[in-house]
Amino acid sequence: MDGDQEDSVSGAKSGEPSPTGINIANASGFSPNRWVKLNVGGQIYATTIDTLVGREPDSMLARMFLQDGSIMPSERDEQGAFLIDRSPRYFEPIINYLRHGQFVCDSNISVLGVLEEARFFGIFSLVTHLEERLGQQEAPLGDKPLTRNDVIKAIIQTSVITELRFQGVNLSGADLRKLDFRNINFKIPRFS
């Protein structure tokens, strides 16, 4: 035999580098195409070693399976899945990002929560993407004009005995025809 033995699980030859250039089989004893199960907060995820190592080879997940001594794999549950004590809600978008390189997140999942988990796992390309995305969402609203719906919502939510103030608010472009503004203060405050 010449040392290029085929792995009976994956069909890949041992000693072949992964697409990232890391020789996973030699570094870890795990074949890159070998399937592993992760138990993240009670939710089971099945994935390959290459998914965990390929996109972010310096991440915590990659180091768990490279076994270079920096992080030992965690304990296993009764089904053999590696235990990871983190939130499965925020882990799913992370594992999907590692699979295909795109961040996809359901609208009911906090992007900030996924960001914190990405930081924990050391998925730095995702951290950068999410920080940029959150920065765009948190852009200051000071110069953004209010819409007609914004004004109507404010009027409806204000008690009739309370003075509603729209001081210094940008209303340009809002169609405010046929709205009753008798109890709204538009005066710009003067500071002495």
Protein backbone atom coordinates (compact mmCIF):
# COMPACT_ATOMS: atom_id res chain seq x y z
CA MET A 1 0.00 0.00 0.00
CA ASP A 2 1.27 3.48 -0.84
CA GLY A 3 -0.18 5.63 1.97
CA ASP A 4 -3.05 7.04 -0.12
CA GLN A 5 -5.69 4.84 1.41
CA GLU A 6 -9.34 5.48 0.74
CA ASP A 7 -11.49 6.28 3.75
CA SER A 8 -14.25 3.69 3.96
CA VAL A 9 -16.74 6.27 5.29
CA SER A 10 -16.20 9.15 2.87
CA GLY A 11 -14.47 7.66 -0.14
CA ALA A 12 -11.83 10.40 0.07
CA LYS A 13 -8.19 9.47 0.09
CA SER A 14 -6.39 10.14 3.33
CA GLY A 15 -3.75 12.78 3.01
CA GLU A 16 -5.79 14.89 0.55
CA PRO A 17 -6.17 18.55 1.55
CA SER A 18 -9.59 20.12 1.99
CA PRO A 19 -10.72 22.93 -0.33
CA THR A 20 -9.17 25.37 2.16
CA GLY A 21 -5.78 23.69 1.90
CA ILE A 22 -5.94 22.20 5.39
CA ASN A 23 -5.19 18.51 5.49
CA ILE A 24 -8.07 17.63 7.79
CA ALA A 25 -7.49 13.88 7.84
CA ASN A 26 -3.86 14.23 8.89
CA ALA A 27 -4.53 17.05 11.35
CA SER A 28 -7.45 15.48 13.15
CA GLY A 29 -7.80 11.83 12.40
CA PHE A 30 -11.27 12.74 11.06
CA SER A 31 -12.08 12.45 7.37
CA PRO A 32 -13.30 15.79 5.90
CA ASN A 33 -16.45 14.15 4.53
CA ARG A 34 -17.17 12.30 7.76
CA TRP A 35 -20.55 13.14 9.21
CA VAL A 36 -20.76 14.23 12.82
CA LYS A 37 -23.67 15.10 15.06
CA LEU A 38 -23.72 18.15 17.28
CA ASN A 39 -26.14 18.46 20.18
CA VAL A 40 -26.54 22.22 20.59
CA GLY A 41 -28.79 23.03 23.52
CA GLY A 42 -30.75 19.81 22.97
CA GLN A 43 -31.17 20.25 19.19
CA ILE A 44 -29.28 17.73 17.01
CA TYR A 45 -27.47 18.99 13.92
CA ALA A 46 -25.78 16.65 11.43
CA THR A 47 -22.97 18.06 9.34
CA THR A 48 -19.57 17.16 7.92
CA ILE A 49 -16.14 17.91 9.33
CA ASP A 50 -15.40 19.91 6.17
CA THR A 51 -18.40 22.18 6.87
CA LEU A 52 -17.11 22.88 10.38
CA VAL A 53 -13.50 23.42 9.28
CA GLY A 54 -13.62 24.62 5.67
CA ARG A 55 -14.95 28.19 5.82
CA GLU A 56 -13.47 29.26 9.18
CA PRO A 57 -10.47 27.04 10.01
CA ASP A 58 -9.56 29.13 13.08
CA SER A 59 -13.03 28.96 14.67
CA MET A 60 -13.80 27.09 17.85
CA LEU A 61 -15.79 24.48 15.92
CA ALA A 62 -12.91 23.87 13.53
CA ARG A 63 -10.39 23.58 16.35
CA MET A 64 -12.61 21.04 18.12
CA PHE A 65 -12.28 18.70 15.16
CA LEU A 66 -8.76 19.52 14.03
CA GLN A 67 -7.58 18.33 17.45
CA ASP A 68 -4.36 20.27 17.29
CA GLY A 69 -4.46 20.37 21.05
CA SER A 70 -6.04 23.81 21.29
CA ILE A 71 -9.57 22.55 22.00
CA MET A 72 -10.59 19.00 22.74
CA PRO A 73 -13.96 17.84 21.41
CA SER A 74 -16.67 18.05 24.02
CA GLU A 75 -18.34 15.18 25.76
CA ARG A 76 -20.94 13.21 23.83
CA ASP A 77 -24.58 12.55 24.59
CA GLU A 78 -26.11 9.06 24.72
CA GLN A 79 -26.51 9.07 20.91
CA GLY A 80 -22.87 10.02 20.30
CA ALA A 81 -23.52 13.68 19.38
CA PHE A 82 -20.96 16.22 20.59
CA LEU A 83 -22.51 18.37 23.34
CA ILE A 84 -22.37 22.14 22.92
CA ASP A 85 -24.08 24.23 25.60
CA ARG A 86 -25.32 27.08 23.42
CA SER A 87 -28.66 28.29 22.04
CA PRO A 88 -29.91 26.22 19.09
CA ARG A 89 -32.06 29.17 17.99
CA TYR A 90 -28.96 31.21 17.14
CA PHE A 91 -26.77 28.27 16.09
CA GLU A 92 -28.89 27.24 13.10
CA PRO A 93 -28.10 30.38 11.03
CA ILE A 94 -24.42 29.88 11.91
CA ILE A 95 -24.24 26.26 10.72
CA ASN A 96 -26.10 27.23 7.55
CA TYR A 97 -23.61 30.04 6.98
CA LEU A 98 -20.76 27.53 7.34
CA ARG A 99 -22.49 25.26 4.82
CA HIS A 100 -23.07 27.74 2.00
CA GLY A 101 -21.47 31.07 2.91
CA GLN A 102 -24.69 33.09 2.99
CA PHE A 103 -26.37 34.49 6.08
CA VAL A 104 -30.04 33.55 6.12
CA CYS A 105 -32.09 34.20 9.23
CA ASP A 106 -35.81 33.91 9.91
CA SER A 107 -37.44 37.20 10.87
CA ASN A 108 -38.27 35.88 14.35
CA ILE A 109 -34.59 35.37 15.22
CA SER A 110 -32.54 38.24 16.63
CA VAL A 111 -29.57 39.11 14.43
CA LEU A 112 -27.88 40.46 17.56
CA GLY A 113 -28.26 37.01 19.17
CA VAL A 114 -26.69 35.35 16.14
CA LEU A 115 -23.87 37.92 16.26
CA GLU A 116 -23.07 37.06 19.87
CA GLU A 117 -23.00 33.34 19.05
CA ALA A 118 -20.80 33.98 16.00
CA ARG A 119 -18.38 35.85 18.28
CA PHE A 120 -18.43 32.96 20.76
CA PHE A 121 -17.65 30.40 18.05
CA GLY A 122 -15.06 32.66 16.38
CA ILE A 123 -16.80 32.82 12.99
CA PHE A 124 -15.17 36.16 12.19
CA SER A 125 -16.31 36.54 8.58
CA LEU A 126 -19.89 36.23 9.83
CA VAL A 127 -19.19 38.60 12.73
CA THR A 128 -18.03 41.27 10.28
CA HIS A 129 -21.07 40.77 8.06
CA LEU A 130 -23.51 40.94 10.99
CA GLU A 131 -21.86 44.02 12.51
CA GLU A 132 -22.21 45.79 9.16
CA ARG A 133 -25.82 44.67 8.87
CA LEU A 134 -26.66 45.84 12.39
CA GLY A 135 -24.85 49.14 11.77
CA GLN A 136 -27.12 49.79 8.79
CA GLN A 137 -30.22 48.97 10.85
CA GLU A 138 -29.15 51.29 13.65
CA ALA A 139 -28.56 54.29 11.40
CA PRO A 140 -29.74 57.47 13.11
CA LEU A 141 -33.31 58.43 12.31
CA GLY A 142 -32.84 62.14 13.04
CA ASP A 143 -32.90 63.31 9.44
CA LYS A 144 -35.28 60.67 8.14
CA PRO A 145 -38.67 62.26 7.38
CA LEU A 146 -41.77 60.90 9.07
CA THR A 147 -44.46 59.45 6.85
CA ARG A 148 -48.18 60.15 7.00
CA ASN A 149 -48.65 56.79 8.74
CA ASP A 150 -46.04 57.72 11.38
CA VAL A 151 -47.92 60.97 12.10
CA ILE A 152 -51.33 59.26 12.23
CA LYS A 153 -49.96 56.57 14.56
CA ALA A 154 -48.56 59.25 16.90
CA ILE A 155 -51.87 61.15 16.91
CA ILE A 156 -53.91 58.00 17.63
CA GLN A 157 -51.62 56.93 20.47
CA THR A 158 -51.71 60.32 22.19
CA SER A 159 -54.41 61.16 24.73
CA VAL A 160 -56.75 64.02 23.77
CA ILE A 161 -55.76 65.88 26.94
CA THR A 162 -52.04 65.64 26.15
CA GLU A 163 -50.19 68.03 23.92
CA LEU A 164 -48.44 66.19 21.10
CA ARG A 165 -45.11 67.75 20.14
CA PHE A 166 -43.54 67.56 16.71
CA GLN A 167 -40.73 69.98 17.45
CA GLY A 168 -37.76 69.66 15.15
CA VAL A 169 -39.28 66.71 13.27
CA ASN A 170 -38.73 66.35 9.54
CA LEU A 171 -42.17 66.15 7.88
CA SER A 172 -41.04 66.97 4.35
CA GLY A 173 -42.73 64.81 1.76
CA ALA A 174 -45.47 63.59 4.13
CA ASP A 175 -48.98 64.17 2.82
CA LEU A 176 -50.67 65.62 5.88
CA ARG A 177 -53.83 66.92 4.24
CA LYS A 178 -57.11 66.50 6.13
CA LEU A 179 -55.38 65.83 9.46
CA ASP A 180 -56.43 67.76 12.55
CA PHE A 181 -53.36 69.48 14.02
CA ARG A 182 -55.15 71.77 16.49
CA ASN A 183 -53.53 70.16 19.56
CA ILE A 184 -50.05 69.64 18.13
CA ASN A 185 -47.12 71.85 19.05
CA PHE A 186 -44.85 72.51 16.06
CA LYS A 187 -42.94 75.36 17.70
CA ILE A 188 -39.19 75.08 17.66
CA PRO A 189 -37.90 75.46 21.22
CA ARG A 190 -35.65 78.44 21.83
CA PHE A 191 -32.64 77.95 24.05
CA SER A 192 -31.13 80.97 25.77
